[in-house]
Amino acid sequence: MPSRLLLPLVVLRRTIRRRALATQIGAAGALVSGGVAALVWWQGPAPIPTWLAMGLTGGLSALGAAAVAHHAMKAQRRIVQAAQTLRSPEAPDTLDIPLTADSADAFQLSSSLRRMVMAMRKRRKELEALNEALTHRLQTRTHELSTLQDLSIGLARQTDMHQLVNEALQALERTLSYSSASLWAREQLAEQGRVVLMGYRTGDPGDSAPQDELTGMRLSRSNLGHYERIERERQPLIENDVQHSFWSWLLDRVTDDARTSALYRHSRSWMALPLQFRDCVLGVMRVDHEVPGYFDDERIRLLTAVGSQTALAMRHAQLAEQSRDMAVMAERNRIARDLHDAVSQTLFAANVVAGTLTRSLQAMADPDAQAQAAQARSLQRLTQGALAEMRLLMLELRPDALHGMSLGELLKQALDALVGRSDILVTTRIAPTDGLSEATRMQLYRIAQEALSNVARHSGASELAVRWVVRGPDRALLCIHDNGAGFDPAVPKPGHFGLENMQTRARDIGAALTLESAPGQGTELCVQIGEPFDAD
């Protein structure tokens, strides 16, 4: 074939290779027809027979179509093979669909498949990331639910309030990281009690300070303000960006003497939430962290759940304690009734018999009868003292009866019991009414009880003077003076806490307690309420 025919064929082949498959087959047929025509023309005047020309045209066209189809099938097999490889789970992410330029159809198909594979890989990575995030959230939720379940079980077993607080803080530590966690509440969960730190834990594992070192101590003024606001509004407080300047630190150090403030000085974010049962705020739980912005929606939700469980357990413990108190009160009332119906009646009868016997023997002139009369008087005094002790015991068994009496009546009961078991001469000056609150009256009575007990057990006194003078609801004076052995108040007595207890009771009611004593000079104890005044 002449060389001038080869160049157009090569150019034509390269051109139609990028066309569609149907175009390539048509072009192959056209090339064959053209080739046969050229061959006929090249033979000159001696033409090729028609049947031979048609046969050559059809055969060569079929061969050209077969060649084109074979070439297309090779490209298709490469694409299919790559697709089957990509279906395998072990297929590497670097494997891809090969781009085939044998035809426009094959190129478009391979390009579309490659884009689809890339999109599927991207979607798979997104799904894997989403699955990992959901798995992490599921694990977190499972851990939280497990912790809340353990917390619920642990709190249900606790009826002691301090153990319950420690259980709640330990459960919180297993769920949430923190620099410190603390629980505030009013003493004895009373509505007007002093707000104190009921329990706390620090998140520093190297902190070797005992966890009960600050328990029971008061709050700083700022934290007390937070407590009262939460108690009033019944809403949590969240501070996610605490700023600590030098001047604020210095001001706190100078003006704030509450030791509990040391728990919160390095906090950068904190949350305090009410431990609320229905409409009653039982306490406040505060959690601090050293990272700003730590308390997000998830942590707020978790702390709220822990707080709800803790509040429910605190209410359960409170009701359990009230139930125990009611059971104790019922048993005390039963014992008091039994003592009144049996022992008191017997002692009263013995006292009447002793009095009758004394009067009968005194009427006789026989010296032996007078000696027996003296013994009968001693018996009468002992039975009177036993009756006074029994009345006092029945009052102690029934605190509600104590609350209904004035301090003067309570002092007379205590002095009658003292006179009945000793030979002390007692002089009194006791106001019949006082106008004091029940809390103040009971604290004064306990102070007087302790003082009279010390007189009977340790003083060896023969005379005792008791004064209870009232100048109004906020001004009163209680003095107890004996002529006993006395002692040096500056010398400590290990194991004796009576004076310390009396001082504490006096401070609780805002009273001033003074004690004057010296060896051989007797003892005088005075409790002053309000401004001092002349009691004579």
Protein backbone atom coordinates (compact mmCIF):
# COMPACT_ATOMS: atom_id res chain seq x y z
CA MET A 1 0.00 0.00 0.00
CA PRO A 2 1.50 3.35 -0.91
CA SER A 3 2.94 5.35 1.99
CA ARG A 4 0.70 8.30 1.19
CA LEU A 5 -2.25 6.20 2.35
CA LEU A 6 -0.70 5.19 5.73
CA LEU A 7 -0.44 8.66 7.24
CA PRO A 8 -4.17 9.47 6.94
CA LEU A 9 -5.02 6.07 8.40
CA VAL A 10 -2.84 6.62 11.49
CA VAL A 11 -4.32 10.07 12.09
CA LEU A 12 -7.83 8.73 11.58
CA ARG A 13 -7.19 5.85 14.00
CA ARG A 14 -6.00 8.22 16.74
CA THR A 15 -8.96 10.47 16.14
CA ILE A 16 -11.71 7.90 16.32
CA ARG A 17 -10.14 6.15 19.33
CA ARG A 18 -11.51 8.87 21.63
CA ARG A 19 -15.01 8.59 20.14
CA ALA A 20 -17.93 6.49 21.24
CA LEU A 21 -17.90 2.74 20.54
CA ALA A 22 -20.60 3.00 17.84
CA THR A 23 -18.60 5.72 16.11
CA GLN A 24 -15.50 3.57 16.22
CA ILE A 25 -17.32 0.58 14.61
CA GLY A 26 -18.85 2.85 11.89
CA ALA A 27 -15.50 4.39 11.26
CA ALA A 28 -13.93 0.92 10.95
CA GLY A 29 -16.55 -0.01 8.30
CA ALA A 30 -15.93 3.24 6.47
CA LEU A 31 -12.21 2.64 6.51
CA VAL A 32 -12.68 -0.87 5.12
CA SER A 33 -15.00 0.40 2.36
CA GLY A 34 -12.61 3.15 1.53
CA GLY A 35 -9.74 0.71 1.52
CA VAL A 36 -11.52 -1.60 -0.91
CA ALA A 37 -12.42 1.36 -3.14
CA ALA A 38 -8.83 2.45 -3.11
CA LEU A 39 -7.77 -1.05 -3.97
CA VAL A 40 -10.19 -1.15 -6.94
CA TRP A 41 -8.93 2.22 -8.09
CA TRP A 42 -5.34 1.11 -7.73
CA GLN A 43 -5.94 -1.96 -9.97
CA GLY A 44 -6.55 0.29 -12.87
CA PRO A 45 -8.65 -0.62 -15.89
CA ALA A 46 -9.01 -4.24 -14.87
CA PRO A 47 -11.70 -4.02 -12.24
CA ILE A 48 -12.19 -6.53 -9.41
CA PRO A 49 -15.34 -8.56 -9.69
CA THR A 50 -18.30 -7.20 -7.74
CA TRP A 51 -18.77 -10.27 -5.63
CA LEU A 52 -15.11 -10.17 -4.62
CA ALA A 53 -15.31 -6.49 -3.71
CA MET A 54 -18.43 -7.03 -1.60
CA GLY A 55 -16.90 -10.04 0.08
CA LEU A 56 -13.73 -8.13 0.90
CA THR A 57 -15.76 -5.21 2.18
CA GLY A 58 -17.97 -7.35 4.48
CA GLY A 59 -15.13 -9.50 5.75
CA LEU A 60 -12.79 -6.65 6.44
CA SER A 61 -15.64 -4.67 8.09
CA ALA A 62 -16.37 -7.62 10.39
CA LEU A 63 -12.70 -7.93 11.24
CA GLY A 64 -12.50 -4.21 12.00
CA ALA A 65 -15.63 -4.34 14.18
CA ALA A 66 -14.29 -7.41 16.00
CA ALA A 67 -10.99 -5.63 16.64
CA VAL A 68 -12.76 -2.58 18.00
CA ALA A 69 -15.04 -4.73 20.20
CA HIS A 70 -12.07 -6.75 21.45
CA HIS A 71 -10.25 -3.58 22.39
CA ALA A 72 -13.35 -2.29 24.20
CA MET A 73 -13.78 -5.59 26.07
CA LYS A 74 -10.21 -5.41 27.30
CA ALA A 75 -10.91 -1.99 28.80
CA GLN A 76 -14.19 -3.25 30.29
CA ARG A 77 -12.43 -6.26 31.84
CA ARG A 78 -9.89 -3.98 33.51
CA ILE A 79 -12.68 -1.89 34.97
CA VAL A 80 -14.60 -4.96 36.17
CA GLN A 81 -11.47 -6.50 37.68
CA ALA A 82 -10.68 -3.29 39.56
CA ALA A 83 -14.31 -3.08 40.79
CA GLN A 84 -14.19 -6.68 42.06
CA THR A 85 -10.95 -5.94 43.87
CA LEU A 86 -12.49 -2.86 45.47
CA ARG A 87 -15.38 -4.98 46.76
CA SER A 88 -12.97 -6.93 48.96
CA PRO A 89 -12.81 -5.76 52.65
CA GLU A 90 -9.02 -6.00 52.47
CA ALA A 91 -8.78 -3.60 49.48
CA PRO A 92 -6.37 -0.76 50.27
CA ASP A 93 -7.59 2.83 50.14
CA THR A 94 -4.88 3.61 47.54
CA LEU A 95 -6.48 1.25 44.99
CA ASP A 96 -8.64 3.02 42.43
CA ILE A 97 -10.56 2.48 39.17
CA PRO A 98 -8.16 2.87 36.19
CA LEU A 99 -8.95 5.64 33.74
CA THR A 100 -9.50 4.10 30.27
CA ALA A 101 -9.06 6.33 27.22
CA ASP A 102 -9.80 3.64 24.61
CA SER A 103 -13.19 5.22 23.94
CA ALA A 104 -15.26 8.11 25.14
CA ASP A 105 -17.78 5.66 26.63
CA ALA A 106 -15.06 3.76 28.51
CA PHE A 107 -13.45 7.01 29.70
CA GLN A 108 -16.78 8.36 30.93
CA LEU A 109 -17.59 5.07 32.63
CA SER A 110 -14.21 4.77 34.34
CA SER A 111 -14.30 8.45 35.41
CA SER A 112 -17.81 8.06 36.85
CA LEU A 113 -16.83 4.88 38.68
CA ARG A 114 -13.72 6.55 40.07
CA ARG A 115 -15.75 9.54 41.34
CA MET A 116 -18.30 7.15 42.84
CA VAL A 117 -15.54 5.18 44.60
CA MET A 118 -14.04 8.41 45.98
CA ALA A 119 -17.47 9.55 47.19
CA MET A 120 -18.12 6.17 48.79
CA ARG A 121 -14.74 6.25 50.54
CA LYS A 122 -15.44 9.72 51.84
CA ARG A 123 -18.88 8.65 53.01
CA ARG A 124 -17.43 5.55 54.62
CA LYS A 125 -14.92 7.65 56.54
CA GLU A 126 -17.72 9.96 57.67
CA LEU A 127 -19.77 6.97 58.79
CA GLU A 128 -16.77 5.49 60.59
CA ALA A 129 -16.17 8.79 62.37
CA LEU A 130 -19.87 9.04 63.22
CA ASN A 131 -19.89 5.45 64.42
CA GLU A 132 -16.84 6.10 66.58
CA ALA A 133 -18.48 9.21 68.05
CA LEU A 134 -21.73 7.33 68.69
CA THR A 135 -19.80 4.44 70.24
CA HIS A 136 -18.00 6.88 72.52
CA ARG A 137 -21.28 8.54 73.48
CA LEU A 138 -22.86 5.15 74.10
CA GLN A 139 -19.96 4.12 76.30
CA THR A 140 -20.19 7.42 78.13
CA ARG A 141 -23.95 7.06 78.63
CA THR A 142 -23.52 3.46 79.74
CA HIS A 143 -20.88 4.53 82.24
CA GLU A 144 -23.07 7.37 83.48
CA LEU A 145 -26.09 5.10 83.87
CA SER A 146 -23.96 2.51 85.64
CA THR A 147 -22.61 5.18 87.95
CA LEU A 148 -26.09 6.55 88.66
CA GLN A 149 -27.34 3.03 89.34
CA ASP A 150 -24.43 2.36 91.71
CA LEU A 151 -25.06 5.74 93.31
CA SER A 152 -28.74 4.96 93.77
CA ILE A 153 -27.97 1.57 95.28
CA GLY A 154 -25.23 2.97 97.51
CA LEU A 155 -27.34 5.88 98.72
CA ALA A 156 -30.32 3.64 99.41
CA ARG A 157 -28.19 1.70 101.89
CA GLN A 158 -27.12 4.82 103.77
CA THR A 159 -29.17 6.38 106.53
CA ASP A 160 -26.37 8.35 108.17
CA MET A 161 -26.20 11.78 106.57
CA HIS A 162 -22.40 12.15 106.57
CA GLN A 163 -21.86 8.67 105.10
CA LEU A 164 -24.48 9.49 102.48
CA VAL A 165 -22.63 12.68 101.51
CA ASN A 166 -19.33 10.79 101.16
CA GLU A 167 -21.03 8.13 99.03
CA ALA A 168 -22.43 10.78 96.67
CA LEU A 169 -19.08 12.56 96.29
CA GLN A 170 -17.26 9.27 95.63
CA ALA A 171 -19.78 8.35 92.93
CA LEU A 172 -19.32 11.77 91.35
CA GLU A 173 -15.55 11.25 91.32
CA ARG A 174 -15.99 8.08 89.23
CA THR A 175 -17.98 10.00 86.62
CA LEU A 176 -16.52 13.48 86.42
CA SER A 177 -13.07 14.96 86.94
CA TYR A 178 -12.88 17.95 89.26
CA SER A 179 -10.48 19.89 91.45
CA SER A 180 -12.92 19.82 94.37
CA ALA A 181 -16.48 18.76 95.10
CA SER A 182 -18.33 19.83 98.22
CA LEU A 183 -21.78 19.73 99.75
CA TRP A 184 -23.26 22.55 101.82
CA ALA A 185 -26.28 22.30 104.10
CA ARG A 186 -27.78 23.80 107.19
CA GLU A 187 -26.94 22.11 110.47
CA GLN A 188 -29.37 19.31 111.26
CA LEU A 189 -31.12 20.27 107.99
CA ALA A 190 -33.04 22.84 110.02
CA GLU A 191 -34.61 25.79 108.21
CA GLN A 192 -32.77 28.37 110.33
CA GLY A 193 -29.62 26.36 111.04
CA ARG A 194 -26.12 27.62 110.29
CA VAL A 195 -24.83 26.74 106.81
CA VAL A 196 -21.77 24.48 107.08
CA LEU A 197 -19.64 22.22 104.91
CA MET A 198 -21.13 18.75 105.29
CA GLY A 199 -18.53 16.95 103.20
CA TYR A 200 -15.96 17.44 100.44
CA ARG A 201 -13.42 15.70 98.25
CA THR A 202 -10.47 17.02 96.29
CA GLY A 203 -9.53 15.77 92.84
CA ASP A 204 -5.78 15.95 93.54
CA PRO A 205 -4.52 12.38 94.21
CA GLY A 206 -1.45 13.83 95.92
CA ASP A 207 -3.52 15.73 98.46
CA SER A 208 -2.89 13.93 101.74
CA ALA A 209 -5.12 16.18 103.86
CA PRO A 210 -7.84 14.25 105.72
CA GLN A 211 -11.18 14.51 103.99
CA ASP A 212 -12.98 15.45 107.24
CA GLU A 213 -10.61 18.25 108.25
CA LEU A 214 -12.98 21.03 107.12
CA THR A 215 -16.26 19.15 107.62
CA GLY A 216 -18.69 21.04 109.82
CA MET A 217 -17.01 24.41 109.32
CA ARG A 218 -18.81 27.53 108.19
CA LEU A 219 -18.77 29.03 104.70
CA SER A 220 -17.27 32.31 103.60
CA ARG A 221 -19.54 35.29 103.13
CA SER A 222 -19.50 34.97 99.34
CA ASN A 223 -20.32 31.26 99.40
CA LEU A 224 -23.00 31.88 102.01
CA GLY A 225 -24.50 34.42 99.61
CA HIS A 226 -24.42 31.82 96.83
CA TYR A 227 -26.16 29.31 99.11
CA GLU A 228 -28.91 31.72 100.11
CA ARG A 229 -29.49 32.72 96.47
CA ILE A 230 -29.77 29.07 95.35
CA GLU A 231 -32.02 28.31 98.32
CA ARG A 232 -34.23 31.27 97.40
CA GLU A 233 -34.33 30.86 93.60
CA ARG A 234 -34.01 27.04 93.46
CA GLN A 235 -31.85 27.32 90.34
CA PRO A 236 -28.22 26.23 89.77
CA LEU A 237 -25.40 28.76 89.50
CA ILE A 238 -22.69 28.27 86.85
CA GLU A 239 -19.51 30.32 86.49
CA ASN A 240 -17.35 29.15 83.57
CA ASP A 241 -14.77 31.94 83.58
CA VAL A 242 -13.59 32.78 87.09
CA GLN A 243 -11.03 35.59 87.12
CA HIS A 244 -8.47 35.72 89.93
CA SER A 245 -6.70 39.04 90.21
CA PHE A 246 -4.05 39.85 92.78
CA TRP A 247 -6.26 42.41 94.49
CA SER A 248 -9.22 40.03 94.79
CA TRP A 249 -6.89 37.37 96.18
CA LEU A 250 -5.45 39.82 98.70
CA LEU A 251 -8.92 41.05 99.69
CA ASP A 252 -10.10 37.48 100.27
CA ARG A 253 -7.06 36.69 102.35
CA VAL A 254 -7.57 39.78 104.51
CA THR A 255 -11.35 39.79 104.91
CA ASP A 256 -12.28 36.10 104.63
CA ASP A 257 -11.24 33.96 107.59
CA ALA A 258 -13.30 30.87 106.66
CA ARG A 259 -10.98 27.88 106.25
CA THR A 260 -13.37 26.32 103.74
CA SER A 261 -12.41 29.02 101.20
CA ALA A 262 -9.14 27.15 100.53
CA LEU A 263 -11.14 24.64 98.48
CA TYR A 264 -12.15 27.25 95.91
CA ARG A 265 -9.20 29.64 95.52
CA HIS A 266 -7.74 27.94 92.41
CA SER A 267 -11.06 27.33 90.66
CA ARG A 268 -11.47 28.61 87.09
CA SER A 269 -15.02 27.30 86.62
CA TRP A 270 -17.63 25.99 89.03
CA MET A 271 -21.24 24.88 89.22
CA ALA A 272 -23.48 24.83 92.30
CA LEU A 273 -26.89 23.19 92.13
CA PRO A 274 -29.70 22.85 94.67
CA LEU A 275 -30.34 19.45 96.24
CA GLN A 276 -34.07 19.86 96.08
CA PHE A 277 -36.88 17.54 97.09
CA ARG A 278 -40.18 18.97 95.88
CA ASP A 279 -40.20 22.56 97.21
CA CYS A 280 -37.57 22.01 99.91
CA VAL A 281 -33.87 22.72 99.32
CA LEU A 282 -31.94 20.27 101.51
CA GLY A 283 -28.50 21.50 100.54
CA VAL A 284 -26.22 22.63 97.71
CA MET A 285 -23.63 20.60 95.80
CA ARG A 286 -20.72 22.56 94.33
CA VAL A 287 -18.18 21.18 91.83
CA ASP A 288 -15.04 23.14 90.85
CA HIS A 289 -12.54 22.68 88.04
CA GLU A 290 -9.24 24.31 87.07
CA VAL A 291 -10.18 24.57 83.36
CA PRO A 292 -12.31 27.52 82.17
CA GLY A 293 -15.52 26.64 80.32
CA TYR A 294 -15.53 23.12 81.74
CA PHE A 295 -19.24 22.87 82.44
CA ASP A 296 -20.97 22.19 79.12
CA ASP A 297 -24.49 20.88 78.56
CA GLU A 298 -23.47 17.23 79.02
CA ARG A 299 -21.74 17.83 82.35
CA ILE A 300 -24.58 20.03 83.55
CA ARG A 301 -27.03 17.26 82.71
CA LEU A 302 -24.91 14.67 84.53
CA LEU A 303 -24.48 16.82 87.64
CA THR A 304 -28.21 17.50 87.70
CA ALA A 305 -28.91 13.76 87.66
CA VAL A 306 -26.40 13.13 90.48
CA GLY A 307 -27.91 16.00 92.46
CA SER A 308 -31.43 14.61 92.06
CA GLN A 309 -30.33 11.19 93.32
CA THR A 310 -28.48 12.77 96.24
CA ALA A 311 -31.44 14.96 97.22
CA LEU A 312 -33.77 11.96 97.15
CA ALA A 313 -31.38 9.96 99.34
CA MET A 314 -30.98 12.89 101.77
CA ARG A 315 -34.74 13.14 102.11
CA HIS A 316 -34.94 9.38 102.66
CA ALA A 317 -32.25 9.61 105.37
CA GLN A 318 -34.07 12.55 106.95
CA LEU A 319 -37.34 10.62 107.05
CA ALA A 320 -35.53 7.56 108.43
CA GLU A 321 -34.02 9.68 111.19
CA GLN A 322 -37.42 11.19 111.98
CA SER A 323 -38.90 7.70 112.08
CA ARG A 324 -36.20 6.60 114.51
CA ASP A 325 -36.80 9.69 116.64
CA MET A 326 -40.52 8.98 116.69
CA ALA A 327 -39.87 5.37 117.70
CA VAL A 328 -37.53 6.54 120.47
CA MET A 329 -40.07 9.12 121.58
CA ALA A 330 -42.83 6.52 121.70
CA GLU A 331 -40.64 4.21 123.77
CA ARG A 332 -39.69 7.03 126.11
CA ASN A 333 -43.33 7.94 126.61
CA ARG A 334 -44.11 4.32 127.37
CA ILE A 335 -41.31 4.14 129.93
CA ALA A 336 -42.41 7.45 131.47
CA ARG A 337 -45.98 6.16 131.81
CA ASP A 338 -44.76 2.94 133.39
CA LEU A 339 -42.55 4.85 135.82
CA HIS A 340 -45.42 7.16 136.71
CA ASP A 341 -47.93 4.35 137.16
CA ALA A 342 -45.63 2.04 139.12
CA VAL A 343 -42.46 3.50 140.63
CA SER A 344 -43.73 7.04 141.24
CA GLN A 345 -46.91 5.82 142.90
CA THR A 346 -44.90 3.47 145.11
CA LEU A 347 -42.46 6.23 146.09
CA PHE A 348 -45.36 8.58 146.80
CA ALA A 349 -46.98 5.98 149.04
CA ALA A 350 -43.64 5.36 150.81
CA ASN A 351 -43.25 9.12 151.35
CA VAL A 352 -46.73 9.38 152.84
CA VAL A 353 -46.05 6.41 155.14
CA ALA A 354 -42.69 7.89 156.19
CA GLY A 355 -44.35 11.26 156.95
CA THR A 356 -47.12 9.62 158.97
CA LEU A 357 -44.60 7.50 160.87
CA THR A 358 -42.47 10.57 161.62
CA ARG A 359 -45.40 12.50 163.07
CA SER A 360 -46.53 9.50 165.16
CA LEU A 361 -43.09 8.91 166.64
CA GLN A 362 -42.56 12.61 167.36
CA ALA A 363 -45.72 12.59 169.47
CA MET A 364 -44.13 9.98 171.81
CA ALA A 365 -41.90 11.01 174.71
CA ASP A 366 -39.84 7.81 174.63
CA PRO A 367 -36.17 8.51 173.66
CA ASP A 368 -36.17 5.44 171.45
CA ALA A 369 -39.22 6.80 169.67
CA GLN A 370 -37.39 10.10 169.03
CA ALA A 371 -34.45 8.21 167.49
CA GLN A 372 -36.86 6.28 165.32
CA ALA A 373 -38.56 9.58 164.36
CA ALA A 374 -35.20 10.92 163.17
CA GLN A 375 -34.72 7.82 161.02
CA ALA A 376 -38.25 8.21 159.67
CA ARG A 377 -37.49 11.86 158.76
CA SER A 378 -34.39 10.65 156.89
CA LEU A 379 -36.52 8.09 155.09
CA GLN A 380 -39.06 10.77 154.24
CA ARG A 381 -36.32 13.05 152.87
CA LEU A 382 -34.91 10.22 150.78
CA THR A 383 -38.31 9.34 149.33
CA GLN A 384 -38.96 13.01 148.56
CA GLY A 385 -35.61 13.18 146.77
CA ALA A 386 -36.38 9.96 144.90
CA LEU A 387 -39.74 11.42 143.84
CA ALA A 388 -38.02 14.61 142.63
CA GLU A 389 -35.45 12.51 140.72
CA MET A 390 -38.26 10.46 139.21
CA ARG A 391 -40.16 13.56 138.09
CA LEU A 392 -36.96 14.94 136.57
CA LEU A 393 -36.30 11.61 134.84
CA MET A 394 -39.81 11.53 133.40
CA LEU A 395 -39.32 15.08 132.11
CA GLU A 396 -36.07 14.03 130.40
CA LEU A 397 -37.85 11.06 128.86
CA ARG A 398 -40.44 13.42 127.39
CA PRO A 399 -38.67 16.44 125.82
CA ASP A 400 -42.01 17.88 124.69
CA ALA A 401 -42.91 18.28 128.37
CA LEU A 402 -39.63 20.15 128.97
CA HIS A 403 -40.44 22.60 126.19
CA GLY A 404 -43.73 23.51 127.79
CA MET A 405 -42.15 24.63 131.10
CA SER A 406 -40.44 27.88 132.05
CA LEU A 407 -36.80 27.87 133.10
CA GLY A 408 -37.84 28.65 136.67
CA GLU A 409 -39.96 25.49 136.84
CA LEU A 410 -37.17 23.41 135.36
CA LEU A 411 -34.66 24.82 137.87
CA LYS A 412 -37.00 23.99 140.79
CA GLN A 413 -37.30 20.39 139.57
CA ALA A 414 -33.52 20.05 139.33
CA LEU A 415 -32.97 21.65 142.78
CA ASP A 416 -35.56 19.38 144.42
CA ALA A 417 -33.67 16.37 143.05
CA LEU A 418 -30.37 17.80 144.34
CA VAL A 419 -31.75 18.46 147.81
CA GLY A 420 -33.21 14.97 147.97
CA ARG A 421 -29.85 13.24 147.47
CA SER A 422 -27.63 15.58 149.53
CA ASP A 423 -27.54 17.73 152.67
CA ILE A 424 -26.93 21.00 150.83
CA LEU A 425 -28.82 24.06 152.02
CA VAL A 426 -30.28 25.73 148.94
CA THR A 427 -31.41 29.34 148.67
CA THR A 428 -33.11 30.52 145.51
CA ARG A 429 -34.23 33.64 143.74
CA ILE A 430 -36.02 32.46 140.62
CA ALA A 431 -38.18 34.46 138.23
CA PRO A 432 -41.46 32.64 137.51
CA THR A 433 -41.52 33.58 133.80
CA ASP A 434 -38.84 34.37 131.28
CA GLY A 435 -40.21 35.01 127.76
CA LEU A 436 -37.24 33.23 126.21
CA SER A 437 -37.31 31.13 123.08
CA GLU A 438 -37.39 27.37 123.54
CA ALA A 439 -33.88 26.98 122.11
CA THR A 440 -32.41 29.55 124.53
CA ARG A 441 -34.35 28.14 127.49
CA MET A 442 -33.15 24.56 126.83
CA GLN A 443 -29.52 25.64 126.47
CA LEU A 444 -29.68 27.53 129.76
CA TYR A 445 -31.31 24.54 131.44
CA ARG A 446 -28.55 22.21 130.20
CA ILE A 447 -25.91 24.63 131.51
CA ALA A 448 -27.64 24.72 134.90
CA GLN A 449 -27.93 20.91 134.92
CA GLU A 450 -24.19 20.53 134.31
CA ALA A 451 -23.37 23.08 137.02
CA LEU A 452 -25.66 21.47 139.63
CA SER A 453 -24.24 18.05 138.76
CA ASN A 454 -20.71 19.36 139.40
CA VAL A 455 -21.84 20.83 142.73
CA ALA A 456 -23.29 17.48 143.85
CA ARG A 457 -20.36 15.33 142.66
CA HIS A 458 -17.22 17.40 143.16
CA SER A 459 -17.68 20.51 145.32
CA GLY A 460 -18.50 19.06 148.76
CA ALA A 461 -20.49 22.25 149.37
CA SER A 462 -22.91 22.76 152.25
CA GLU A 463 -24.63 25.83 150.81
CA LEU A 464 -25.85 26.67 147.33
CA ALA A 465 -27.40 29.88 145.99
CA VAL A 466 -29.23 30.03 142.65
CA ARG A 467 -30.39 33.27 141.04
CA TRP A 468 -32.44 33.56 137.86
CA VAL A 469 -33.25 37.19 137.14
CA VAL A 470 -35.12 38.36 134.03
CA ARG A 471 -35.19 41.96 132.79
CA GLY A 472 -36.94 41.30 129.47
CA PRO A 473 -36.96 38.84 126.58
CA ASP A 474 -33.35 39.73 125.67
CA ARG A 475 -31.84 40.42 129.10
CA ALA A 476 -31.45 37.82 131.82
CA LEU A 477 -28.89 36.49 134.30
CA LEU A 478 -28.38 33.00 135.72
CA CYS A 479 -25.93 32.61 138.62
CA ILE A 480 -25.06 29.45 140.59
CA HIS A 481 -22.78 29.91 143.62
CA ASP A 482 -21.56 27.28 146.12
CA ASN A 483 -19.22 27.37 149.14
CA GLY A 484 -17.45 24.15 148.17
CA ALA A 485 -13.81 23.20 147.65
CA GLY A 486 -13.39 25.23 144.46
CA PHE A 487 -10.65 24.70 141.87
CA ASP A 488 -8.22 26.51 139.60
CA PRO A 489 -9.97 27.08 136.20
CA ALA A 490 -6.56 27.61 134.53
CA VAL A 491 -5.45 24.03 135.27
CA PRO A 492 -6.69 21.69 132.52
CA LYS A 493 -8.40 18.46 133.51
CA PRO A 494 -7.98 15.77 130.83
CA GLY A 495 -11.15 13.83 130.14
CA HIS A 496 -13.44 16.53 131.62
CA PHE A 497 -15.48 18.42 129.02
CA GLY A 498 -18.25 19.91 131.18
CA LEU A 499 -16.92 23.47 131.20
CA GLU A 500 -16.17 23.36 127.46
CA ASN A 501 -19.68 22.11 126.75
CA MET A 502 -21.19 24.91 128.83
CA GLN A 503 -19.09 27.50 126.99
CA THR A 504 -20.27 26.10 123.64
CA ARG A 505 -23.92 26.17 124.68
CA ALA A 506 -23.57 29.78 125.86
CA ARG A 507 -21.98 30.84 122.55
CA ASP A 508 -24.78 29.16 120.59
CA ILE A 509 -27.37 31.43 122.21
CA GLY A 510 -25.18 34.55 122.17
CA ALA A 511 -24.67 34.60 125.94
CA ALA A 512 -21.54 35.33 127.98
CA LEU A 513 -20.46 32.67 130.49
CA THR A 514 -18.10 33.59 133.33
CA LEU A 515 -16.60 31.29 135.95
CA GLU A 516 -14.92 32.39 139.18
CA SER A 517 -13.32 29.83 141.44
CA ALA A 518 -10.22 29.18 143.54
CA PRO A 519 -9.16 26.29 145.77
CA GLY A 520 -11.04 26.56 149.08
CA GLN A 521 -13.06 29.59 147.90
CA GLY A 522 -16.09 27.98 146.29
CA THR A 523 -17.30 28.48 142.73
CA GLU A 524 -19.61 30.94 140.99
CA LEU A 525 -20.88 30.44 137.45
CA CYS A 526 -22.88 33.15 135.69
CA VAL A 527 -24.53 33.27 132.28
CA GLN A 528 -25.40 36.74 131.04
CA ILE A 529 -27.91 37.26 128.19
CA GLY A 530 -27.87 40.70 126.63
CA GLU A 531 -26.41 43.81 128.25
CA PRO A 532 -25.17 43.37 131.87
CA PHE A 533 -27.37 44.76 134.65
CA ASP A 534 -27.46 44.88 138.43
CA ALA A 535 -29.34 41.78 139.61
CA ASP A 536 -29.48 42.83 143.29
